[in-house]
């Protein structure tokens, strides 16, 4: 389970007289349950990626709390992050290493023995249908092949919780379908807690058990697709998203 409670984060842009403070996250709260895919949805600049980076321990919040399976990321970072696998949009594979070497190397960074990491790489290659890729250097990989390798790397230490930030960016239809099927198996067969950040409405409808809608750095709605459609009085989820985001913008303007 991943819990986000009243997170805030500000950044300063520019220097001197041109400097300005940007409130990237402003009190975001949500919970992602085990055995479920939770979608974090919002327009560009809504604070999705900043929130996920705080959960992953990459940046510190100004206030609020992130917890992974009850472990506070700020107070117990090693224990909390050992239970977390992260697939970011910047996948950062080492191009001169093979897929196998990338996966095993990350396993070693997670404290696994070389033998255990190698065995896990073989198991994940079967799960992700990427066995033919294992001994190829990643520098020539397609986006779909890179995604599979990066996902295997994130899963090598068998974390109970997985964060995926815009994982379908740049993927073709077949690679996107393969990723969906993999995430369903991780949810249904292994009971993983999966947080899936996206701006693609279709992905939400296909994958997510619950959706958290973020706008202007705040949580503005949370529920199943059906519940959010009912809240907005819409039948189409894209229209629901636009309506709820528009309502949030109006409230923001009124408060200002």
Protein backbone atom coordinates (compact mmCIF):
# COMPACT_ATOMS: atom_id res chain seq x y z
CA UNK A 1 0.00 0.00 0.00
CA UNK A 2 1.15 3.51 -0.80
CA UNK A 3 -0.17 6.43 1.23
CA UNK A 4 0.24 10.09 0.36
CA UNK A 5 -0.91 12.56 2.99
CA UNK A 6 -1.07 16.36 2.64
CA UNK A 7 2.08 16.59 0.52
CA UNK A 8 3.35 20.03 -0.49
CA UNK A 9 6.30 21.08 -2.61
CA UNK A 10 7.47 24.48 -3.86
CA UNK A 11 10.18 25.26 -6.38
CA UNK A 12 11.93 28.54 -7.07
CA UNK A 13 12.33 29.37 -10.75
CA UNK A 14 14.80 31.96 -11.99
CA UNK A 15 17.17 34.15 -10.01
CA UNK A 16 17.26 37.58 -8.46
CA UNK A 17 14.34 39.86 -9.27
CA UNK A 18 13.05 37.38 -11.85
CA UNK A 19 12.80 34.58 -9.32
CA UNK A 20 9.33 33.27 -8.59
CA UNK A 21 7.98 30.52 -6.36
CA UNK A 22 5.90 27.80 -8.01
CA UNK A 23 3.58 25.70 -5.85
CA UNK A 24 3.96 22.37 -7.66
CA UNK A 25 2.10 20.27 -5.07
CA UNK A 26 -0.36 21.79 -2.63
CA UNK A 27 -1.77 19.30 -0.15
CA UNK A 28 -2.17 16.17 -2.29
CA UNK A 29 -3.57 13.12 -0.48
CA UNK A 30 -4.46 9.66 -1.79
CA UNK A 31 -4.08 5.96 -1.03
CA UNK A 32 -3.22 3.12 -3.42
CA UNK A 33 -4.34 -0.31 -2.22
CA UNK A 34 -2.68 -3.70 -2.59
CA UNK A 35 -3.99 -5.87 -5.43
CA UNK A 36 -5.21 -2.85 -7.38
CA UNK A 37 -4.10 -0.46 -10.10
CA UNK A 38 -4.55 3.16 -9.04
CA UNK A 39 -4.42 5.76 -11.79
CA UNK A 40 -3.07 9.23 -11.02
CA UNK A 41 -4.53 11.47 -13.68
CA UNK A 42 -4.19 15.17 -14.37
CA UNK A 43 -3.31 17.80 -16.97
CA UNK A 44 0.30 18.74 -17.65
CA UNK A 45 1.73 20.66 -14.71
CA UNK A 46 -0.82 19.23 -12.27
CA UNK A 47 1.85 17.89 -9.91
CA UNK A 48 1.63 14.17 -10.76
CA UNK A 49 5.31 13.56 -11.47
CA UNK A 50 6.47 15.73 -8.56
CA UNK A 51 4.24 13.73 -6.21
CA UNK A 52 5.55 10.40 -7.48
CA UNK A 53 9.14 11.60 -7.19
CA UNK A 54 8.48 12.40 -3.54
CA UNK A 55 6.99 8.94 -2.97
CA UNK A 56 10.09 7.43 -4.60
CA UNK A 57 12.37 9.42 -2.30
CA UNK A 58 13.95 11.38 -5.16
CA UNK A 59 12.96 14.75 -3.74
CA UNK A 60 11.90 15.74 -0.23
CA UNK A 61 8.46 17.25 0.43
CA UNK A 62 8.18 20.61 2.15
CA UNK A 63 5.48 19.09 4.35
CA UNK A 64 3.24 16.05 4.46
CA UNK A 65 3.99 12.34 4.49
CA UNK A 66 4.65 9.49 2.05
CA UNK A 67 4.46 5.91 3.32
CA UNK A 68 5.10 2.56 1.63
CA UNK A 69 3.49 -0.36 3.48
CA UNK A 70 3.32 1.86 6.55
CA UNK A 71 7.01 2.83 6.38
CA UNK A 72 7.65 6.58 6.27
CA UNK A 73 9.81 7.38 3.23
CA UNK A 74 11.49 10.31 5.00
CA UNK A 75 12.18 8.55 8.32
CA UNK A 76 12.88 5.01 7.06
CA UNK A 77 14.00 5.50 3.47
CA UNK A 78 15.95 2.27 3.02
CA UNK A 79 13.20 0.05 4.40
CA UNK A 80 10.42 1.90 2.56
CA UNK A 81 12.13 2.10 -0.82
CA UNK A 82 13.18 -1.56 -0.67
CA UNK A 83 9.45 -2.30 -1.03
CA UNK A 84 9.08 -0.03 -4.05
CA UNK A 85 9.84 -0.47 -7.74
CA UNK A 86 9.85 2.62 -9.96
CA UNK A 87 9.51 2.89 -13.74
CA UNK A 88 9.99 6.53 -14.63
CA UNK A 89 9.52 8.17 -18.00
CA UNK A 90 13.31 8.76 -18.16
CA UNK A 91 14.16 5.06 -18.29
CA UNK A 92 17.94 5.51 -18.12
CA UNK A 93 19.20 2.13 -19.29
CA UNK A 94 22.94 1.68 -19.74
CA UNK A 95 23.22 1.40 -23.53
CA UNK A 96 26.50 -0.57 -23.61
CA UNK A 97 25.11 -3.26 -21.29
CA UNK A 98 22.83 -6.07 -22.33
CA UNK A 99 19.31 -6.28 -20.95
CA UNK A 100 20.46 -9.06 -18.62
CA UNK A 101 23.38 -6.97 -17.36
CA UNK A 102 21.13 -3.97 -16.74
CA UNK A 103 18.71 -6.06 -14.70
CA UNK A 104 21.39 -7.90 -12.70
CA UNK A 105 23.28 -4.68 -11.99
CA UNK A 106 20.15 -3.08 -10.54
CA UNK A 107 19.52 -6.21 -8.49
CA UNK A 108 23.01 -5.89 -7.02
CA UNK A 109 22.25 -2.25 -6.14
CA UNK A 110 19.19 -3.55 -4.28
CA UNK A 111 21.41 -5.83 -2.18
CA UNK A 112 20.80 -9.07 -4.06
CA UNK A 113 23.56 -11.57 -4.75
CA UNK A 114 24.68 -11.92 -8.36
CA UNK A 115 23.23 -15.43 -8.53
CA UNK A 116 19.85 -14.33 -7.12
CA UNK A 117 19.67 -11.34 -9.46
CA UNK A 118 20.57 -13.51 -12.47
CA UNK A 119 17.88 -16.05 -11.58
CA UNK A 120 15.35 -13.27 -11.13
CA UNK A 121 16.31 -11.80 -14.53
CA UNK A 122 15.51 -15.14 -16.17
CA UNK A 123 12.16 -15.33 -14.36
CA UNK A 124 11.20 -11.78 -15.33
CA UNK A 125 12.24 -12.37 -18.94
CA UNK A 126 9.71 -15.19 -19.07
CA UNK A 127 7.01 -13.09 -17.40
CA UNK A 128 7.57 -10.14 -19.74
CA UNK A 129 8.13 -12.28 -22.84
CA UNK A 130 11.57 -10.78 -23.42
CA UNK A 131 13.90 -13.80 -23.28
CA UNK A 132 15.31 -13.16 -26.81
CA UNK A 133 16.35 -9.67 -25.66
CA UNK A 134 18.38 -10.69 -22.62
CA UNK A 135 21.80 -10.89 -24.26
CA UNK A 136 21.44 -7.94 -26.63
CA UNK A 137 22.86 -4.51 -25.83
CA UNK A 138 20.07 -2.06 -25.08
CA UNK A 139 21.47 0.72 -27.29
CA UNK A 140 19.61 -0.67 -30.31
CA UNK A 141 16.33 -1.43 -28.55
CA UNK A 142 12.94 -0.15 -29.67
CA UNK A 143 10.83 1.83 -27.19
CA UNK A 144 8.83 -1.31 -26.37
CA UNK A 145 11.98 -3.33 -25.75
CA UNK A 146 13.41 -0.57 -23.57
CA UNK A 147 10.18 -0.44 -21.60
CA UNK A 148 10.26 -4.19 -20.92
CA UNK A 149 13.89 -4.02 -19.78
CA UNK A 150 13.21 -1.02 -17.53
CA UNK A 151 10.17 -2.74 -16.03
CA UNK A 152 12.20 -5.90 -15.36
CA UNK A 153 14.84 -3.75 -13.69
CA UNK A 154 12.18 -2.13 -11.47
CA UNK A 155 10.79 -5.56 -10.52
CA UNK A 156 14.07 -7.39 -9.97
CA UNK A 157 13.90 -7.18 -6.15
CA UNK A 158 10.23 -8.29 -6.21
CA UNK A 159 8.76 -5.13 -4.64
CA UNK A 160 5.22 -5.22 -3.33
CA UNK A 161 4.55 -1.74 -4.73
CA UNK A 162 5.20 -0.38 -8.22
CA UNK A 163 5.11 3.19 -9.56
CA UNK A 164 4.88 3.79 -13.30
CA UNK A 165 5.10 7.37 -14.56
CA UNK A 166 3.68 7.74 -18.09
CA UNK A 167 4.89 4.23 -19.06
CA UNK A 168 3.17 4.13 -22.47
CA UNK A 169 4.85 7.28 -23.83
CA UNK A 170 6.28 6.47 -27.25
CA UNK A 171 4.98 2.90 -27.33
CA UNK A 172 3.16 1.44 -30.32
CA UNK A 173 -0.17 -0.36 -30.02
CA UNK A 174 1.31 -3.85 -29.56
CA UNK A 175 3.79 -2.72 -26.90
CA UNK A 176 1.04 -0.85 -25.05
CA UNK A 177 -1.21 -3.92 -25.08
CA UNK A 178 1.66 -6.08 -23.79
CA UNK A 179 2.30 -3.65 -20.94
CA UNK A 180 -1.38 -3.64 -19.98
CA UNK A 181 -1.45 -7.43 -19.84
CA UNK A 182 1.71 -7.53 -17.72
CA UNK A 183 0.27 -5.04 -15.21
CA UNK A 184 -2.95 -7.04 -14.95
CA UNK A 185 -0.97 -10.19 -14.21
CA UNK A 186 1.09 -8.41 -11.55
CA UNK A 187 -2.13 -7.20 -9.94
CA UNK A 188 -4.21 -10.37 -10.24
CA UNK A 189 -1.58 -13.10 -9.76
CA UNK A 190 0.84 -11.39 -7.37
CA UNK A 191 -1.37 -8.84 -5.60
CA UNK A 192 0.92 -5.90 -6.35
CA UNK A 193 0.00 -2.32 -5.48
CA UNK A 194 0.43 -0.46 -8.77
CA UNK A 195 0.31 3.31 -9.23
CA UNK A 196 -0.07 4.30 -12.85
CA UNK A 197 0.37 7.93 -13.85
CA UNK A 198 -0.97 8.93 -17.26
CA UNK A 199 -2.80 11.62 -19.19
CA UNK A 200 -4.37 9.11 -21.62
CA UNK A 201 -8.03 8.55 -20.84
CA UNK A 202 -8.16 5.21 -22.65
CA UNK A 203 -5.44 3.77 -20.42
CA UNK A 204 -7.43 4.68 -17.33
CA UNK A 205 -10.57 2.96 -18.62
CA UNK A 206 -8.66 -0.19 -19.59
CA UNK A 207 -6.48 -0.57 -16.52
CA UNK A 208 -7.38 1.34 -13.39
CA UNK A 209 -9.45 0.06 -10.49
CA UNK A 210 -9.49 3.53 -8.95
CA UNK A 211 -8.54 6.96 -10.21
CA UNK A 212 -7.09 9.98 -8.41
CA UNK A 213 -7.60 13.22 -10.31
CA UNK A 214 -5.00 15.90 -9.57
CA UNK A 215 -5.21 19.51 -10.72
CA UNK A 216 -3.31 22.63 -9.60
CA UNK A 217 -1.26 20.47 -7.23
CA UNK A 218 -4.31 19.21 -5.36
CA UNK A 219 -6.46 16.09 -5.26
CA UNK A 220 -9.78 17.18 -6.74
CA UNK A 221 -11.58 13.83 -7.11
CA UNK A 222 -11.05 10.15 -6.32
CA UNK A 223 -13.03 6.99 -7.10
CA UNK A 224 -13.75 4.40 -9.76
CA UNK A 225 -14.36 5.52 -13.33
CA UNK A 226 -18.08 4.89 -12.83
CA UNK A 227 -18.15 6.92 -9.61
CA UNK A 228 -16.33 9.86 -11.18
CA UNK A 229 -18.63 9.78 -14.22
CA UNK A 230 -21.61 9.93 -11.86
CA UNK A 231 -20.03 12.79 -9.89
CA UNK A 232 -19.52 14.83 -13.06
CA UNK A 233 -22.84 13.82 -14.61
CA UNK A 234 -21.10 12.44 -17.70
CA UNK A 235 -21.15 9.12 -19.55
CA UNK A 236 -17.75 9.50 -21.21
CA UNK A 237 -14.66 9.57 -18.97
CA UNK A 238 -12.86 12.10 -21.14
CA UNK A 239 -15.77 14.49 -20.61
CA UNK A 240 -15.66 13.69 -16.90
CA UNK A 241 -11.97 14.59 -16.76
CA UNK A 242 -12.52 17.88 -18.55
CA UNK A 243 -15.50 18.75 -16.33
CA UNK A 244 -13.74 17.99 -13.05
CA UNK A 245 -10.54 19.75 -14.12
CA UNK A 246 -12.59 22.78 -15.25
CA UNK A 247 -14.47 22.85 -11.93
CA UNK A 248 -11.14 22.74 -10.08
CA UNK A 249 -9.81 25.63 -12.18
CA UNK A 250 -12.91 27.69 -11.39
CA UNK A 251 -12.51 27.03 -7.66
CA UNK A 252 -8.84 27.98 -7.90
CA UNK A 253 -9.74 31.23 -9.63
CA UNK A 254 -12.44 32.05 -7.10
CA UNK A 255 -10.06 31.42 -4.21
CA UNK A 256 -7.46 33.70 -5.75
